Amino acid sequence: MMKIFNSRYFFLVLSITWLMLVTNCDNSRSSRLLRIGHVLDINSPVHKAMIYFGERLESYSDGSIKLKVYPSSQLGNEREILELLQLGSLDIAKVSSAVLENFVPEMGVFSLPYLFRDSKHLWQCLNGSIGKDLLLKGEKFWLRGLCYYDAGFRSFFLKNKAVEIPEDLRGLKIRVMRSNLQIRTINMLGGNATPLAFGELYSALQQGVVDGAEGNPPTFYQKRFYDHCKYLVLDEHSSPPDVLLISTHTWVKLNERERAWVEKAIEESVVYQRKLWNQMTLMVYEEVEKSGVEIFKPEKKRFLNKVHPIYNDLKSTIIGEIAKRIQNL
Protein backbone atom coordinates (compact mmCIF):
# COMPACT_ATOMS: atom_id res chain seq x y z
CA MET A 1 0.00 0.00 0.00
CA MET A 2 1.38 3.38 -1.00
CA LYS A 3 2.12 5.74 1.85
CA ILE A 4 1.33 9.43 1.38
CA PHE A 5 3.86 11.87 2.82
CA ASN A 6 2.22 14.71 4.75
CA SER A 7 4.73 17.50 5.38
CA ARG A 8 2.61 19.17 8.05
CA TYR A 9 2.43 16.07 10.20
CA PHE A 10 6.10 15.31 9.56
CA PHE A 11 6.87 18.75 11.02
CA LEU A 12 4.54 17.98 13.94
CA VAL A 13 6.41 14.76 14.74
CA LEU A 14 9.74 16.60 14.60
CA SER A 15 8.38 19.29 16.94
CA ILE A 16 7.18 16.67 19.43
CA THR A 17 10.52 14.88 19.37
CA TRP A 18 12.43 18.11 19.87
CA LEU A 19 10.20 19.19 22.77
CA MET A 20 10.67 15.83 24.47
CA LEU A 21 14.44 16.14 24.21
CA VAL A 22 14.41 19.71 25.53
CA THR A 23 12.08 18.74 28.37
CA ASN A 24 14.29 15.84 29.43
CA CYS A 25 17.27 18.20 29.64
CA ASP A 26 15.37 20.90 31.54
CA ASN A 27 13.70 18.47 33.97
CA SER A 28 17.11 17.69 35.39
CA ARG A 29 17.23 21.23 36.69
CA SER A 30 13.58 21.86 37.63
CA SER A 31 10.85 19.87 39.37
CA ARG A 32 8.26 21.00 36.83
CA LEU A 33 8.74 22.82 33.53
CA LEU A 34 5.78 24.20 31.59
CA ARG A 35 6.41 24.93 27.90
CA ILE A 36 4.47 27.68 26.15
CA GLY A 37 4.41 28.52 22.43
CA HIS A 38 3.13 31.38 20.27
CA VAL A 39 3.71 32.96 16.85
CA LEU A 40 4.44 36.57 17.83
CA ASP A 41 7.88 38.11 18.19
CA ILE A 42 9.66 38.86 21.44
CA ASN A 43 8.79 42.58 21.35
CA SER A 44 5.04 41.99 21.40
CA PRO A 45 3.03 42.80 24.54
CA VAL A 46 1.84 39.18 24.53
CA HIS A 47 5.36 37.76 24.70
CA LYS A 48 6.34 40.22 27.42
CA ALA A 49 3.21 39.25 29.37
CA MET A 50 4.19 35.58 29.10
CA ILE A 51 7.65 36.33 30.47
CA TYR A 52 5.97 38.20 33.33
CA PHE A 53 3.59 35.26 33.85
CA GLY A 54 6.62 32.96 34.16
CA GLU A 55 8.31 35.26 36.65
CA ARG A 56 5.21 35.47 38.83
CA LEU A 57 4.60 31.72 38.62
CA GLU A 58 8.16 30.94 39.63
CA SER A 59 7.82 33.36 42.54
CA TYR A 60 4.53 31.93 43.80
CA SER A 61 5.79 28.35 43.49
CA ASP A 62 9.12 29.19 45.13
CA GLY A 63 10.88 27.98 42.00
CA SER A 64 9.12 24.62 41.81
CA ILE A 65 7.38 25.56 38.54
CA LYS A 66 9.15 27.32 35.69
CA LEU A 67 8.03 28.49 32.28
CA LYS A 68 9.88 28.08 28.98
CA VAL A 69 8.57 30.32 26.17
CA TYR A 70 8.95 29.46 22.47
CA PRO A 71 8.04 32.63 20.45
CA SER A 72 8.04 33.53 16.76
CA SER A 73 6.46 30.33 15.39
CA GLN A 74 9.35 28.18 16.63
CA LEU A 75 6.86 25.34 17.14
CA GLY A 76 4.85 25.99 13.99
CA ASN A 77 1.79 28.04 13.11
CA GLU A 78 -1.16 28.45 15.45
CA ARG A 79 -3.03 25.42 14.17
CA GLU A 80 0.03 23.22 14.63
CA ILE A 81 0.58 24.63 18.12
CA LEU A 82 -3.00 23.73 19.04
CA GLU A 83 -2.45 20.18 17.79
CA LEU A 84 0.62 19.92 20.03
CA LEU A 85 -1.58 20.97 22.96
CA GLN A 86 -4.17 18.33 22.12
CA LEU A 87 -1.47 15.66 22.04
CA GLY A 88 -0.06 16.83 25.35
CA SER A 89 3.32 17.53 23.73
CA LEU A 90 3.02 21.24 24.64
CA ASP A 91 1.66 22.61 27.90
CA ILE A 92 0.39 26.13 27.13
CA ALA A 93 -0.16 28.18 23.98
CA LYS A 94 -1.42 31.56 22.83
CA VAL A 95 -3.55 31.61 19.70
CA SER A 96 -6.08 33.94 18.17
CA SER A 97 -9.72 33.05 18.81
CA ALA A 98 -10.15 33.21 15.02
CA VAL A 99 -7.90 30.15 14.65
CA LEU A 100 -9.26 28.51 17.79
CA GLU A 101 -12.78 28.53 16.34
CA ASN A 102 -11.70 25.72 14.01
CA PHE A 103 -11.29 23.58 17.14
CA VAL A 104 -13.90 25.19 19.43
CA PRO A 105 -16.78 26.43 17.22
CA GLU A 106 -18.28 28.74 19.87
CA MET A 107 -15.17 30.91 19.70
CA GLY A 108 -16.32 31.95 16.23
CA VAL A 109 -18.55 34.55 17.83
CA PHE A 110 -15.52 36.83 18.21
CA SER A 111 -15.00 36.80 14.43
CA LEU A 112 -18.42 38.31 13.77
CA PRO A 113 -18.09 41.72 12.10
CA TYR A 114 -18.86 44.86 14.09
CA LEU A 115 -20.14 42.86 17.09
CA PHE A 116 -18.62 45.08 19.77
CA ARG A 117 -19.44 48.75 20.20
CA ASP A 118 -16.06 49.61 21.70
CA SER A 119 -13.26 48.24 23.89
CA LYS A 120 -15.32 48.65 27.05
CA HIS A 121 -18.07 46.47 25.57
CA LEU A 122 -15.50 43.87 24.49
CA TRP A 123 -13.94 43.52 27.93
CA GLN A 124 -17.32 43.53 29.63
CA CYS A 125 -17.94 40.37 27.63
CA LEU A 126 -14.51 38.78 28.11
CA ASN A 127 -14.40 39.39 31.86
CA GLY A 128 -18.01 38.38 32.42
CA SER A 129 -19.89 35.10 32.43
CA ILE A 130 -19.98 34.84 28.62
CA GLY A 131 -16.21 35.08 28.27
CA LYS A 132 -15.54 32.71 31.17
CA ASP A 133 -17.97 30.11 29.82
CA LEU A 134 -16.33 30.20 26.39
CA LEU A 135 -12.88 29.55 27.87
CA LEU A 136 -14.08 26.13 29.04
CA LYS A 137 -15.85 25.09 25.83
CA GLY A 138 -12.67 23.46 24.51
CA GLU A 139 -12.12 21.04 27.40
CA LYS A 140 -13.70 18.17 25.47
CA PHE A 141 -11.09 18.84 22.78
CA TRP A 142 -8.22 18.77 25.37
CA LEU A 143 -7.98 22.59 25.33
CA ARG A 144 -8.76 24.54 28.51
CA GLY A 145 -8.84 28.32 28.21
CA LEU A 146 -7.00 30.27 30.88
CA CYS A 147 -7.47 33.91 29.93
CA TYR A 148 -7.80 36.47 27.16
CA TYR A 149 -5.05 38.86 26.08
CA ASP A 150 -5.90 42.12 24.34
CA ALA A 151 -5.56 41.94 20.55
CA GLY A 152 -7.44 45.16 19.84
CA PHE A 153 -9.70 45.73 16.86
CA ARG A 154 -8.77 44.53 13.39
CA SER A 155 -8.67 46.97 10.48
CA PHE A 156 -7.35 47.05 6.90
CA PHE A 157 -3.90 47.95 5.66
CA LEU A 158 -3.32 48.17 1.93
CA LYS A 159 -0.53 48.68 -0.57
CA ASN A 160 -1.90 50.85 -3.35
CA LYS A 161 -5.20 52.44 -2.35
CA ALA A 162 -7.26 53.51 0.61
CA VAL A 163 -10.60 51.94 1.45
CA GLU A 164 -13.19 54.50 2.47
CA ILE A 165 -16.32 52.63 1.32
CA PRO A 166 -16.88 48.88 0.86
CA GLU A 167 -16.79 49.24 -2.94
CA ASP A 168 -13.11 50.22 -2.67
CA LEU A 169 -12.33 46.64 -1.65
CA ARG A 170 -13.69 45.18 -4.89
CA GLY A 171 -11.17 42.80 -6.46
CA LEU A 172 -8.48 43.31 -3.80
CA LYS A 173 -6.80 40.19 -2.41
CA ILE A 174 -6.90 40.57 1.37
CA ARG A 175 -4.99 38.23 3.65
CA VAL A 176 -7.16 36.83 6.45
CA MET A 177 -6.74 34.27 9.20
CA ARG A 178 -8.17 30.80 8.63
CA SER A 179 -11.58 31.69 10.01
CA ASN A 180 -14.70 30.91 7.98
CA LEU A 181 -16.50 33.94 9.39
CA GLN A 182 -13.61 36.28 8.63
CA ILE A 183 -13.33 34.90 5.11
CA ARG A 184 -17.04 35.41 4.57
CA THR A 185 -16.89 38.94 6.01
CA ILE A 186 -14.16 40.10 3.63
CA ASN A 187 -15.87 38.51 0.64
CA MET A 188 -19.21 40.14 1.51
CA LEU A 189 -17.47 43.51 1.77
CA GLY A 190 -16.28 43.01 -1.79
CA GLY A 191 -12.71 41.85 -1.24
CA ASN A 192 -11.11 38.56 -2.20
CA ALA A 193 -10.30 36.85 1.13
CA THR A 194 -6.97 35.03 0.95
CA PRO A 195 -6.11 32.82 3.96
CA LEU A 196 -2.39 32.76 4.72
CA ALA A 197 -0.28 31.83 7.72
CA PHE A 198 0.82 34.90 9.66
CA GLY A 199 4.49 34.12 9.09
CA GLU A 200 3.99 34.30 5.31
CA LEU A 201 2.30 37.71 5.23
CA TYR A 202 5.32 40.01 4.95
CA SER A 203 6.71 38.22 1.90
CA ALA A 204 3.22 37.93 0.39
CA LEU A 205 2.87 41.72 0.56
CA GLN A 206 6.37 42.22 -0.76
CA GLN A 207 5.81 39.89 -3.73
CA GLY A 208 2.30 41.11 -4.54
CA VAL A 209 0.60 37.84 -3.64
CA VAL A 210 -1.94 39.93 -1.72
CA ASP A 211 -2.95 43.58 -2.04
CA GLY A 212 -3.36 44.06 1.67
CA ALA A 213 -4.42 42.45 4.90
CA GLU A 214 -6.45 43.00 8.01
CA GLY A 215 -5.09 43.08 11.53
CA ASN A 216 -4.54 45.24 14.56
CA PRO A 217 -2.40 48.42 14.36
CA PRO A 218 0.29 47.33 16.87
CA THR A 219 1.05 44.21 14.82
CA PHE A 220 1.01 46.31 11.63
CA TYR A 221 3.75 48.41 13.21
CA GLN A 222 5.77 45.68 14.93
CA LYS A 223 5.99 43.43 11.86
CA ARG A 224 6.87 46.42 9.65
CA PHE A 225 3.99 45.82 7.26
CA TYR A 226 4.13 49.58 6.69
CA ASP A 227 7.19 48.89 4.52
CA HIS A 228 4.74 47.85 1.81
CA CYS A 229 1.33 49.15 2.94
CA LYS A 230 0.91 52.91 3.02
CA TYR A 231 -2.81 53.00 3.82
CA LEU A 232 -4.20 52.10 7.26
CA VAL A 233 -8.01 52.04 7.30
CA LEU A 234 -9.46 51.96 10.83
CA ASP A 235 -12.84 50.38 10.15
CA GLU A 236 -12.40 48.06 13.20
CA HIS A 237 -14.46 45.27 11.66
CA SER A 238 -13.69 42.58 14.24
CA SER A 239 -11.93 42.03 17.54
CA PRO A 240 -10.98 38.38 18.06
CA PRO A 241 -8.94 38.30 21.28
CA ASP A 242 -5.82 36.28 21.88
CA VAL A 243 -6.56 33.25 24.03
CA LEU A 244 -4.14 31.54 26.39
CA LEU A 245 -4.85 27.81 26.67
CA ILE A 246 -3.46 24.91 28.64
CA SER A 247 -3.52 21.29 27.52
CA THR A 248 -5.93 19.29 29.66
CA HIS A 249 -3.22 16.62 29.75
CA THR A 250 -1.12 19.15 31.70
CA TRP A 251 -4.00 20.59 33.75
CA VAL A 252 -4.93 17.24 35.32
CA LYS A 253 -1.31 16.74 36.43
CA LEU A 254 -1.36 19.95 38.48
CA ASN A 255 -2.54 19.74 42.06
CA GLU A 256 -4.96 22.27 43.55
CA ARG A 257 -2.21 24.51 44.91
CA GLU A 258 -0.31 24.51 41.60
CA ARG A 259 -3.46 25.41 39.69
CA ALA A 260 -4.03 28.34 42.05
CA TRP A 261 -0.47 29.57 41.39
CA VAL A 262 -0.99 29.33 37.64
CA GLU A 263 -4.31 31.19 37.74
CA LYS A 264 -3.01 33.97 40.00
CA ALA A 265 0.11 34.50 37.87
CA ILE A 266 -1.99 34.57 34.70
CA GLU A 267 -4.43 37.07 36.19
CA GLU A 268 -1.54 39.43 36.90
CA SER A 269 -0.11 38.90 33.41
CA VAL A 270 -3.45 39.96 31.85
CA VAL A 271 -3.32 43.31 33.64
CA TYR A 272 0.31 43.75 32.59
CA GLN A 273 -0.38 42.83 28.95
CA ARG A 274 -3.30 45.23 28.62
CA LYS A 275 -1.18 48.06 30.02
CA LEU A 276 1.57 47.35 27.47
CA TRP A 277 -0.99 47.02 24.68
CA ASN A 278 -2.59 50.38 25.43
CA GLN A 279 0.80 52.08 25.58
CA MET A 280 1.85 50.60 22.24
CA THR A 281 -1.44 51.46 20.52
CA LEU A 282 -1.08 55.13 21.45
CA MET A 283 2.44 55.20 20.05
CA VAL A 284 1.78 53.28 16.83
CA TYR A 285 -0.25 55.85 14.93
CA GLU A 286 2.36 58.57 15.33
CA GLU A 287 5.17 56.21 14.32
CA VAL A 288 3.56 54.81 11.18
CA GLU A 289 2.60 58.28 9.99
CA LYS A 290 6.31 59.19 10.19
CA SER A 291 6.89 56.30 7.76
CA GLY A 292 4.49 57.79 5.22
CA VAL A 293 1.36 55.85 6.13
CA GLU A 294 -1.98 57.60 5.64
CA ILE A 295 -4.61 56.79 8.25
CA PHE A 296 -8.33 56.77 7.42
CA LYS A 297 -11.41 56.37 9.63
CA PRO A 298 -14.32 55.44 7.36
CA GLU A 299 -17.98 55.58 8.27
CA LYS A 300 -18.76 52.09 9.62
CA LYS A 301 -22.48 52.05 8.81
CA ARG A 302 -22.01 51.23 5.11
CA PHE A 303 -19.66 48.38 6.00
CA LEU A 304 -22.05 47.04 8.62
CA ASN A 305 -24.96 47.06 6.18
CA LYS A 306 -22.95 44.89 3.79
CA VAL A 307 -22.34 42.14 6.35
CA HIS A 308 -25.65 42.26 8.23
CA PRO A 309 -26.95 39.12 6.42
CA ILE A 310 -24.38 37.10 8.41
CA TYR A 311 -26.35 37.81 11.59
CA ASN A 312 -29.64 36.83 9.96
CA ASP A 313 -28.14 33.52 8.82
CA LEU A 314 -26.84 32.72 12.31
CA LYS A 315 -29.99 33.57 14.27
CA SER A 316 -30.94 29.96 15.05
CA THR A 317 -27.37 28.78 15.74
CA ILE A 318 -25.32 28.70 18.93
CA ILE A 319 -23.11 31.47 17.53
CA GLY A 320 -26.18 33.61 16.90
CA GLU A 321 -27.45 33.00 20.43
CA ILE A 322 -24.12 34.00 21.99
CA ALA A 323 -23.93 37.07 19.73
CA LYS A 324 -27.38 38.16 20.90
CA ARG A 325 -26.32 37.87 24.55
CA ILE A 326 -23.23 39.97 23.82
CA GLN A 327 -25.21 42.64 21.96
CA ASN A 328 -27.63 42.88 24.90
CA LEU A 329 -24.89 43.53 27.47
Foldseek 3Di string as FASTA:
>chain_A
DDDDDDVLVVLLVVLLVVLVVVCVVVCVVAVEEAEEEEQDDCPALVNVLVVLLQVLLCVLVVNRYGYHYHYNQPSHFPVSVVVCLLVVSHFKYKDWLQSVCVQQVLSLLQLAWPLAPAPVLVVVCCVDPNVQVSQCSNVVSQKHWQGWAFFDFKFKFFFPDEDQFLVVQAAFEEEDAPHPNNCVLNVLSHHHYDYDGPVCPQVCLVVVVGGIYMGDLLVCQVVVVLVRTQETEPLRTGTGTMIMITGNVVVVVDDPSSVVSSNVSSVVSRVSSVVVVVVSNVVRVVVSVVVNHDYHYHDNPNSCVSSVVVLVVCCPPPSNVSSVVSSVD
